[in-house]
Protein backbone atom coordinates (compact mmCIF):
# COMPACT_ATOMS: atom_id res chain seq x y z
CA UNK A 1 39.50 -4.11 -99.56
CA UNK A 2 42.35 -6.44 -98.65
CA UNK A 3 42.38 -10.17 -97.77
CA UNK A 4 39.72 -10.00 -95.05
CA UNK A 5 37.36 -7.84 -97.10
CA UNK A 6 37.57 -10.15 -100.09
CA UNK A 7 37.04 -13.23 -97.93
CA UNK A 8 33.98 -11.60 -96.35
CA UNK A 9 32.60 -10.58 -99.74
CA UNK A 10 32.81 -14.15 -101.08
CA UNK A 11 29.50 -14.91 -99.31
CA UNK A 12 30.49 -18.39 -98.12
CA UNK A 13 31.12 -19.82 -101.62
CA UNK A 14 34.40 -21.82 -101.55
CA UNK A 15 35.46 -21.44 -105.20
CA UNK A 16 34.47 -17.77 -105.28
CA UNK A 17 36.57 -17.28 -102.15
CA UNK A 18 39.60 -18.94 -103.74
CA UNK A 19 39.29 -16.74 -106.84
CA UNK A 20 38.77 -13.67 -104.67
CA UNK A 21 41.89 -14.45 -102.64
CA UNK A 22 44.20 -15.27 -105.57
CA UNK A 23 43.15 -12.51 -107.97
CA UNK A 24 46.06 -10.15 -107.25
CA UNK A 25 48.50 -12.97 -108.04
CA UNK A 26 46.88 -13.94 -111.34
CA UNK A 27 47.97 -11.99 -114.41
CA UNK A 28 46.54 -11.76 -117.89
CA UNK A 29 45.14 -14.83 -119.59
CA UNK A 30 46.31 -17.20 -116.85
CA UNK A 31 42.96 -16.55 -115.15
CA UNK A 32 41.35 -18.78 -117.78
CA UNK A 33 43.42 -21.75 -116.60
CA UNK A 34 41.29 -21.99 -113.45
CA UNK A 35 37.94 -23.75 -113.00
CA UNK A 36 34.92 -21.65 -113.96
CA UNK A 37 33.77 -20.72 -110.45
CA UNK A 38 37.30 -19.69 -109.47
CA UNK A 39 37.42 -17.48 -112.57
CA UNK A 40 34.19 -15.91 -111.31
CA UNK A 41 35.86 -15.23 -107.95
CA UNK A 42 38.77 -13.55 -109.74
CA UNK A 43 36.32 -11.38 -111.65
CA UNK A 44 34.36 -10.55 -108.48
CA UNK A 45 37.58 -9.43 -106.78
CA UNK A 46 38.32 -7.05 -109.64
CA UNK A 47 34.79 -5.68 -109.71
CA UNK A 48 34.98 -5.03 -105.95
CA UNK A 49 38.36 -3.33 -106.28
CA UNK A 50 37.15 -1.10 -109.10
CA UNK A 51 33.99 -0.14 -107.19
CA UNK A 52 35.84 0.49 -103.92
CA UNK A 53 38.63 2.49 -105.56
CA UNK A 54 36.09 4.86 -107.13
CA UNK A 55 33.92 5.23 -104.03
CA UNK A 56 33.93 8.81 -102.63
CA UNK A 57 34.79 7.49 -99.17
CA UNK A 58 37.92 5.80 -100.49
CA UNK A 59 38.97 8.93 -102.36
CA UNK A 60 38.62 10.86 -99.10
CA UNK A 61 40.45 8.23 -97.04
CA UNK A 62 43.42 8.16 -99.42
CA UNK A 63 44.04 11.85 -98.81
CA UNK A 64 45.21 11.10 -95.26
CA UNK A 65 48.04 8.92 -96.61
CA UNK A 66 48.81 10.69 -99.88
CA UNK A 67 51.34 13.24 -98.50
CA UNK A 68 53.64 10.45 -97.29
CA UNK A 69 52.83 7.65 -99.75
CA UNK A 70 51.37 9.22 -102.91
CA UNK A 71 50.27 6.40 -105.26
CA UNK A 72 50.64 3.82 -102.50
CA UNK A 73 47.89 5.50 -100.50
CA UNK A 74 45.36 3.26 -102.29
CA UNK A 75 46.73 -0.15 -101.13
CA UNK A 76 47.28 1.30 -97.65
CA UNK A 77 43.59 2.25 -97.47
CA UNK A 78 42.71 -1.31 -98.53
CA UNK A 79 44.59 -2.62 -95.49
CA UNK A 80 43.04 0.04 -93.26
CA UNK A 81 39.55 -1.01 -94.39
CA UNK A 82 40.34 -4.55 -93.25
CA UNK A 83 41.24 -3.19 -89.82
CA UNK A 84 37.90 -1.43 -89.52
CA UNK A 85 36.00 -4.46 -90.86
CA UNK A 86 37.69 -6.74 -88.32
CA UNK A 87 36.74 -4.32 -85.55
CA UNK A 88 33.17 -3.74 -86.80
CA UNK A 89 30.99 -5.97 -84.63
CA UNK A 90 27.83 -4.69 -86.31
CA UNK A 91 29.08 -6.38 -89.48
CA UNK A 92 31.10 -9.27 -88.01
CA UNK A 93 30.92 -10.33 -84.38
CA UNK A 94 34.13 -11.55 -82.82
CA UNK A 95 32.91 -15.15 -83.18
CA UNK A 96 31.93 -14.61 -86.83
CA UNK A 97 35.32 -13.02 -87.54
CA UNK A 98 37.11 -15.99 -85.97
CA UNK A 99 34.98 -18.46 -87.93
CA UNK A 100 35.48 -16.56 -91.20
CA UNK A 101 39.24 -16.55 -90.69
CA UNK A 102 39.46 -20.28 -89.94
CA UNK A 103 37.08 -21.20 -92.75
CA UNK A 104 39.15 -19.15 -95.20
CA UNK A 105 42.37 -20.93 -94.18
CA UNK A 106 40.65 -24.31 -94.46
CA UNK A 107 39.35 -23.57 -97.96
CA UNK A 108 42.73 -22.28 -99.13
CA UNK A 109 44.30 -25.49 -97.79
CA UNK A 110 41.67 -27.54 -99.63
CA UNK A 111 42.54 -25.79 -102.92
CA UNK A 112 46.25 -25.58 -102.16
CA UNK A 113 47.17 -27.28 -105.46
CA UNK A 114 45.60 -24.39 -107.41
CA UNK A 115 47.10 -21.48 -105.47
CA UNK A 116 49.71 -19.24 -107.15
CA UNK A 117 53.19 -19.70 -105.70
CA UNK A 118 53.33 -16.31 -103.90
CA UNK A 119 50.16 -17.19 -101.96
CA UNK A 120 51.48 -20.70 -101.27
CA UNK A 121 54.56 -19.11 -99.70
CA UNK A 122 52.45 -16.61 -97.74
CA UNK A 123 49.75 -18.98 -96.47
CA UNK A 124 51.74 -20.66 -93.63
CA UNK A 125 52.46 -17.24 -92.11
CA UNK A 126 48.89 -16.10 -92.67
CA UNK A 127 47.64 -19.11 -90.70
CA UNK A 128 50.34 -19.09 -88.05
CA UNK A 129 49.77 -15.45 -87.13
CA UNK A 130 46.02 -15.57 -87.93
CA UNK A 131 46.24 -12.48 -90.11
CA UNK A 132 42.54 -12.28 -90.90
CA UNK A 133 41.46 -12.25 -87.27
CA UNK A 134 44.33 -10.11 -86.06
CA UNK A 135 43.61 -7.27 -88.45
CA UNK A 136 41.50 -5.98 -85.57
CA UNK A 137 44.54 -5.36 -83.35
CA UNK A 138 47.06 -2.55 -83.66
CA UNK A 139 49.90 -5.07 -83.83
CA UNK A 140 48.11 -7.09 -86.50
CA UNK A 141 47.46 -4.12 -88.74
CA UNK A 142 51.05 -2.96 -88.25
CA UNK A 143 52.32 -6.34 -89.46
CA UNK A 144 50.07 -6.11 -92.49
CA UNK A 145 51.37 -2.63 -93.30
CA UNK A 146 54.94 -3.88 -92.90
CA UNK A 147 54.21 -6.67 -95.40
CA UNK A 148 52.74 -4.19 -97.85
CA UNK A 149 55.82 -1.98 -97.60
CA UNK A 150 58.11 -4.96 -98.25
CA UNK A 151 56.13 -6.12 -101.30
CA UNK A 152 56.12 -2.58 -102.71
CA UNK A 153 59.85 -2.13 -101.97
CA UNK A 154 59.11 1.00 -99.95
CA UNK A 155 61.88 2.00 -97.54
CA UNK A 156 59.46 2.33 -94.65
CA UNK A 157 58.63 -0.18 -91.94
CA UNK A 158 54.95 0.80 -91.91
CA UNK A 159 55.19 2.82 -88.70
CA UNK A 160 54.44 6.09 -90.50
CA UNK A 161 51.27 4.64 -92.06
CA UNK A 162 50.22 3.25 -88.67
CA UNK A 163 50.78 6.65 -87.08
CA UNK A 164 48.56 8.29 -89.73
CA UNK A 165 45.87 5.66 -89.09
CA UNK A 166 45.95 6.15 -85.33
CA UNK A 167 46.02 9.94 -85.55
CA UNK A 168 43.02 9.99 -87.90
CA UNK A 169 41.15 6.90 -86.76
CA UNK A 170 37.84 8.64 -86.12
CA UNK A 171 37.76 10.31 -89.54
CA UNK A 172 38.93 7.16 -91.34
CA UNK A 173 36.27 5.20 -89.47
CA UNK A 174 33.63 7.56 -90.84
CA UNK A 175 34.85 6.89 -94.39
CA UNK A 176 34.82 3.14 -93.76
CA UNK A 177 31.21 3.31 -92.55
CA UNK A 178 30.22 5.32 -95.62
CA UNK A 179 31.80 2.65 -97.82
CA UNK A 180 30.98 -0.73 -96.24
CA UNK A 181 27.21 -0.90 -96.78
CA UNK A 182 27.59 0.28 -100.38
CA UNK A 183 30.32 -2.19 -101.28
CA UNK A 184 28.47 -5.09 -99.63
CA UNK A 185 25.33 -4.27 -101.62
CA UNK A 186 27.33 -3.94 -104.84
CA UNK A 187 29.33 -7.13 -104.24
CA UNK A 188 26.22 -9.16 -103.38
CA UNK A 189 24.59 -8.12 -106.64
CA UNK A 190 27.74 -8.89 -108.63
CA UNK A 191 28.11 -12.25 -106.86
CA UNK A 192 24.54 -13.27 -107.64
CA UNK A 193 24.88 -12.25 -111.28
CA UNK A 194 28.12 -14.22 -111.64
CA UNK A 195 26.69 -17.33 -109.99
CA UNK A 196 23.33 -17.28 -111.80
CA UNK A 197 23.21 -14.75 -114.66
CA UNK A 198 19.66 -15.83 -115.56
CA UNK A 199 18.36 -14.27 -112.35
CA UNK A 200 19.58 -10.87 -113.46
CA UNK A 201 17.62 -10.98 -116.74
CA UNK A 202 14.26 -9.17 -117.04
CA UNK A 203 11.15 -11.22 -116.18
CA UNK A 204 13.13 -13.84 -114.25
């Protein structure tokens, strides 16, 4: 999952959301410099990534992008999943998507002083172009793919990845649907255990 997926799988908890959104920018022991609940969000992000990366649907989805992008097929599929999530009105209605996007920006602004510098630099553009909501559009997902290519220093403007997505949208949508219910169930359990470990103990 990419930014939208991790925001959605923060289950409305502000500090968990911040940790979930900053995790990719936090390296090594610096995670322990953050407040406890933000550390839990960082951990949740990594648990979600590990689970999603190993899911059979993700392994199948990566094969569509592997011929052109090889190891970078994995982050491309993360972005593609956000496109399907943004378009999935059984999971998020258009109104819920809009509210999730705005709430995420508001929380990131509230915790601005804790955000890693790369996210601080990115946030104005994220808000201005409403990335989280606009993942649902072809233009929005293209912009996200372009950003991924720039960050990975790939000499590709993202158009090839977009073409693969559009040519295989039905099949990739099937893989997304196989994945989303499983990852939501997994993430909810991990979230609850992180927030209140006592509830996960026997006889509680």
